[in-house]
Amino acid sequence: MTAPNFVRRWRTRLSDAQANRLRVQLAAANDRNSALEQRLADLQAANEGAYRQLREHTGGPQFASDQPFGSTPAASDVASAGA
């Protein structure tokens, strides 16, 4: 037994409406995604620029030979940092 014509037409219209809603949601999600990707790229560029400026100013990260990795800071360094 097949569905009457009007039922098939309504099913098609409902399916088309649902497909259109999903297309709109997908377009909105794609727009939001591209905006977030652009924002991420801008923030990454700003972060790299700030790091580059700081490195030029301070000479970049350096290994402290008097302070091995994993040990606590020397007492004189702690006292001077608190002052």
N, C-alpha and C. Protein backbone atom coordinates (compact mmCIF):
# COMPACT_ATOMS: atom_id res chain seq x y z
N MET A 1 0.85 -1.18 0.00
CA MET A 1 0.00 0.00 0.00
C MET A 1 0.89 1.24 0.00
N THR A 2 0.65 2.13 -0.91
CA THR A 2 1.43 3.35 -1.00
C THR A 2 0.66 4.50 -0.39
N ALA A 3 1.41 5.52 -0.01
CA ALA A 3 0.78 6.70 0.58
C ALA A 3 0.09 7.51 -0.52
N PRO A 4 -0.98 8.18 -0.16
CA PRO A 4 -1.65 9.04 -1.15
C PRO A 4 -0.74 10.16 -1.61
N ASN A 5 -1.08 10.76 -2.74
CA ASN A 5 -0.26 11.83 -3.33
C ASN A 5 -0.06 13.01 -2.39
N PHE A 6 -1.12 13.45 -1.73
CA PHE A 6 -0.96 14.63 -0.86
C PHE A 6 -0.01 14.34 0.30
N VAL A 7 0.01 13.11 0.80
CA VAL A 7 0.93 12.75 1.89
C VAL A 7 2.36 12.77 1.37
N ARG A 8 2.58 12.24 0.17
CA ARG A 8 3.93 12.27 -0.41
C ARG A 8 4.39 13.69 -0.66
N ARG A 9 3.48 14.55 -1.13
CA ARG A 9 3.85 15.96 -1.36
C ARG A 9 4.24 16.64 -0.06
N TRP A 10 3.48 16.41 1.02
CA TRP A 10 3.80 17.03 2.30
C TRP A 10 5.11 16.51 2.86
N ARG A 11 5.36 15.22 2.68
CA ARG A 11 6.64 14.67 3.13
C ARG A 11 7.79 15.32 2.38
N THR A 12 7.63 15.52 1.08
CA THR A 12 8.67 16.16 0.28
C THR A 12 8.88 17.60 0.73
N ARG A 13 7.78 18.31 0.97
CA ARG A 13 7.91 19.71 1.42
C ARG A 13 8.58 19.79 2.79
N LEU A 14 8.22 18.87 3.68
CA LEU A 14 8.85 18.86 5.00
C LEU A 14 10.34 18.53 4.89
N SER A 15 10.67 17.58 4.03
CA SER A 15 12.08 17.23 3.83
C SER A 15 12.85 18.40 3.23
N ASP A 16 12.25 19.09 2.27
CA ASP A 16 12.90 20.25 1.66
C ASP A 16 13.09 21.37 2.69
N ALA A 17 12.09 21.59 3.53
CA ALA A 17 12.20 22.63 4.56
C ALA A 17 13.31 22.28 5.54
N GLN A 18 13.39 21.02 5.92
CA GLN A 18 14.44 20.59 6.85
C GLN A 18 15.81 20.74 6.19
N ALA A 19 15.93 20.39 4.93
CA ALA A 19 17.20 20.54 4.22
C ALA A 19 17.60 22.00 4.13
N ASN A 20 16.63 22.88 3.89
CA ASN A 20 16.93 24.32 3.83
C ASN A 20 17.39 24.84 5.18
N ARG A 21 16.74 24.40 6.26
CA ARG A 21 17.16 24.83 7.60
C ARG A 21 18.59 24.36 7.88
N LEU A 22 18.90 23.14 7.50
CA LEU A 22 20.24 22.62 7.72
C LEU A 22 21.27 23.37 6.88
N ARG A 23 20.91 23.75 5.66
CA ARG A 23 21.82 24.55 4.83
C ARG A 23 22.12 25.89 5.49
N VAL A 24 21.08 26.52 6.05
CA VAL A 24 21.27 27.80 6.73
C VAL A 24 22.16 27.63 7.96
N GLN A 25 21.94 26.57 8.74
CA GLN A 25 22.77 26.32 9.91
C GLN A 25 24.21 26.04 9.52
N LEU A 26 24.40 25.29 8.43
CA LEU A 26 25.75 25.00 7.97
C LEU A 26 26.45 26.27 7.50
N ALA A 27 25.75 27.12 6.79
CA ALA A 27 26.35 28.38 6.33
C ALA A 27 26.74 29.25 7.53
N ALA A 28 25.88 29.31 8.54
CA ALA A 28 26.19 30.09 9.74
C ALA A 28 27.40 29.52 10.46
N ALA A 29 27.46 28.20 10.56
CA ALA A 29 28.61 27.56 11.22
C ALA A 29 29.89 27.80 10.44
N ASN A 30 29.82 27.76 9.12
CA ASN A 30 31.02 28.03 8.31
C ASN A 30 31.48 29.47 8.46
N ASP A 31 30.52 30.42 8.51
CA ASP A 31 30.89 31.82 8.72
C ASP A 31 31.55 32.02 10.08
N ARG A 32 30.95 31.40 11.11
CA ARG A 32 31.52 31.51 12.46
C ARG A 32 32.91 30.89 12.51
N ASN A 33 33.09 29.77 11.84
CA ASN A 33 34.37 29.09 11.81
C ASN A 33 35.43 29.95 11.13
N SER A 34 35.09 30.56 10.01
CA SER A 34 36.08 31.39 9.31
C SER A 34 36.42 32.63 10.13
N ALA A 35 35.43 33.20 10.83
CA ALA A 35 35.72 34.36 11.68
C ALA A 35 36.65 33.96 12.83
N LEU A 36 36.41 32.80 13.43
CA LEU A 36 37.28 32.34 14.52
C LEU A 36 38.67 32.00 14.02
N GLU A 37 38.77 31.44 12.83
CA GLU A 37 40.10 31.16 12.26
C GLU A 37 40.87 32.44 12.02
N GLN A 38 40.18 33.48 11.53
CA GLN A 38 40.84 34.76 11.31
C GLN A 38 41.28 35.38 12.63
N ARG A 39 40.41 35.30 13.64
CA ARG A 39 40.77 35.84 14.96
C ARG A 39 41.98 35.10 15.53
N LEU A 40 41.99 33.77 15.38
CA LEU A 40 43.13 32.98 15.86
C LEU A 40 44.41 33.38 15.14
N ALA A 41 44.32 33.58 13.83
CA ALA A 41 45.51 33.99 13.08
C ALA A 41 46.00 35.36 13.54
N ASP A 42 45.08 36.28 13.78
CA ASP A 42 45.46 37.62 14.26
C ASP A 42 46.11 37.54 15.64
N LEU A 43 45.53 36.75 16.54
CA LEU A 43 46.10 36.62 17.88
C LEU A 43 47.45 35.92 17.84
N GLN A 44 47.60 34.94 16.98
CA GLN A 44 48.88 34.26 16.85
C GLN A 44 49.95 35.22 16.34
N ALA A 45 49.59 36.04 15.35
CA ALA A 45 50.54 37.02 14.82
C ALA A 45 50.92 38.03 15.90
N ALA A 46 49.94 38.48 16.70
CA ALA A 46 50.24 39.42 17.78
C ALA A 46 51.14 38.77 18.83
N ASN A 47 50.88 37.52 19.15
CA ASN A 47 51.69 36.81 20.14
C ASN A 47 53.13 36.65 19.64
N GLU A 48 53.27 36.27 18.38
CA GLU A 48 54.62 36.11 17.83
C GLU A 48 55.35 37.45 17.76
N GLY A 49 54.62 38.52 17.44
CA GLY A 49 55.23 39.85 17.41
C GLY A 49 55.69 40.30 18.78
N ALA A 50 54.85 40.04 19.80
CA ALA A 50 55.23 40.42 21.16
C ALA A 50 56.44 39.61 21.62
N TYR A 51 56.46 38.32 21.29
CA TYR A 51 57.60 37.49 21.66
C TYR A 51 58.86 37.98 20.95
N ARG A 52 58.73 38.35 19.69
CA ARG A 52 59.88 38.84 18.93
C ARG A 52 60.43 40.14 19.55
N GLN A 53 59.53 41.06 19.93
CA GLN A 53 59.96 42.30 20.57
C GLN A 53 60.63 42.03 21.91
N LEU A 54 60.04 41.14 22.69
CA LEU A 54 60.62 40.81 24.00
C LEU A 54 61.98 40.16 23.83
N ARG A 55 62.11 39.32 22.84
CA ARG A 55 63.40 38.66 22.60
C ARG A 55 64.45 39.68 22.18
N GLU A 56 64.06 40.64 21.34
CA GLU A 56 65.01 41.68 20.94
C GLU A 56 65.44 42.51 22.15
N HIS A 57 64.51 42.76 23.06
CA HIS A 57 64.80 43.59 24.23
C HIS A 57 65.64 42.84 25.26
N THR A 58 65.31 41.58 25.52
CA THR A 58 65.99 40.85 26.60
C THR A 58 67.05 39.89 26.11
N GLY A 59 67.10 39.63 24.81
CA GLY A 59 68.07 38.67 24.30
C GLY A 59 67.53 37.25 24.28
N GLY A 60 66.26 37.06 24.61
CA GLY A 60 65.65 35.74 24.54
C GLY A 60 65.93 34.90 25.76
N PRO A 61 65.32 33.73 25.82
CA PRO A 61 65.53 32.85 26.96
C PRO A 61 66.96 32.33 26.98
N GLN A 62 67.50 32.21 28.18
CA GLN A 62 68.88 31.75 28.33
C GLN A 62 68.93 30.72 29.46
N PHE A 63 69.89 29.84 29.37
CA PHE A 63 70.09 28.85 30.41
C PHE A 63 70.97 29.45 31.49
N ALA A 64 70.50 29.37 32.73
CA ALA A 64 71.28 29.86 33.86
C ALA A 64 72.16 28.72 34.36
N SER A 65 73.45 28.83 34.11
CA SER A 65 74.35 27.74 34.50
C SER A 65 74.45 27.59 36.01
N ASP A 66 74.20 28.67 36.77
CA ASP A 66 74.26 28.58 38.22
C ASP A 66 72.95 28.06 38.82
N GLN A 67 71.93 27.85 38.00
CA GLN A 67 70.64 27.38 38.47
C GLN A 67 70.20 26.18 37.63
N PRO A 68 70.60 24.97 38.00
CA PRO A 68 70.23 23.79 37.23
C PRO A 68 68.71 23.59 37.20
N PHE A 69 68.24 23.01 36.13
CA PHE A 69 66.81 22.78 35.97
C PHE A 69 66.30 21.84 37.06
N GLY A 70 65.17 22.20 37.65
CA GLY A 70 64.54 21.35 38.64
C GLY A 70 64.94 21.65 40.07
N SER A 71 65.89 22.54 40.29
CA SER A 71 66.27 22.86 41.66
C SER A 71 65.58 24.14 42.10
N THR A 72 65.54 24.36 43.39
CA THR A 72 64.90 25.57 43.90
C THR A 72 65.85 26.75 43.74
N PRO A 73 65.32 27.96 43.61
CA PRO A 73 66.18 29.14 43.44
C PRO A 73 67.08 29.35 44.64
N ALA A 74 68.21 29.94 44.39
CA ALA A 74 69.16 30.25 45.48
C ALA A 74 68.52 31.27 46.41
N ALA A 75 68.93 31.25 47.69
CA ALA A 75 68.34 32.14 48.69
C ALA A 75 68.54 33.60 48.33
N SER A 76 69.68 33.97 47.75
CA SER A 76 69.93 35.37 47.41
C SER A 76 69.00 35.83 46.29
N ASP A 77 68.67 34.90 45.33
CA ASP A 77 67.75 35.27 44.26
C ASP A 77 66.34 35.47 44.78
N VAL A 78 65.92 34.64 45.74
CA VAL A 78 64.58 34.75 46.30
C VAL A 78 64.43 36.05 47.08
N ALA A 79 65.47 36.40 47.84
CA ALA A 79 65.41 37.63 48.65
C ALA A 79 65.38 38.85 47.74
N SER A 80 66.16 38.86 46.67
CA SER A 80 66.18 40.03 45.79
C SER A 80 64.90 40.13 44.97
N ALA A 81 64.25 39.01 44.65
CA ALA A 81 63.02 39.05 43.88
C ALA A 81 61.87 39.60 44.72
N GLY A 82 61.90 39.36 46.02
CA GLY A 82 60.84 39.84 46.90
C GLY A 82 60.98 41.31 47.23
N ALA A 83 62.14 41.87 47.03
CA ALA A 83 62.36 43.27 47.41
C ALA A 83 61.87 44.24 46.38
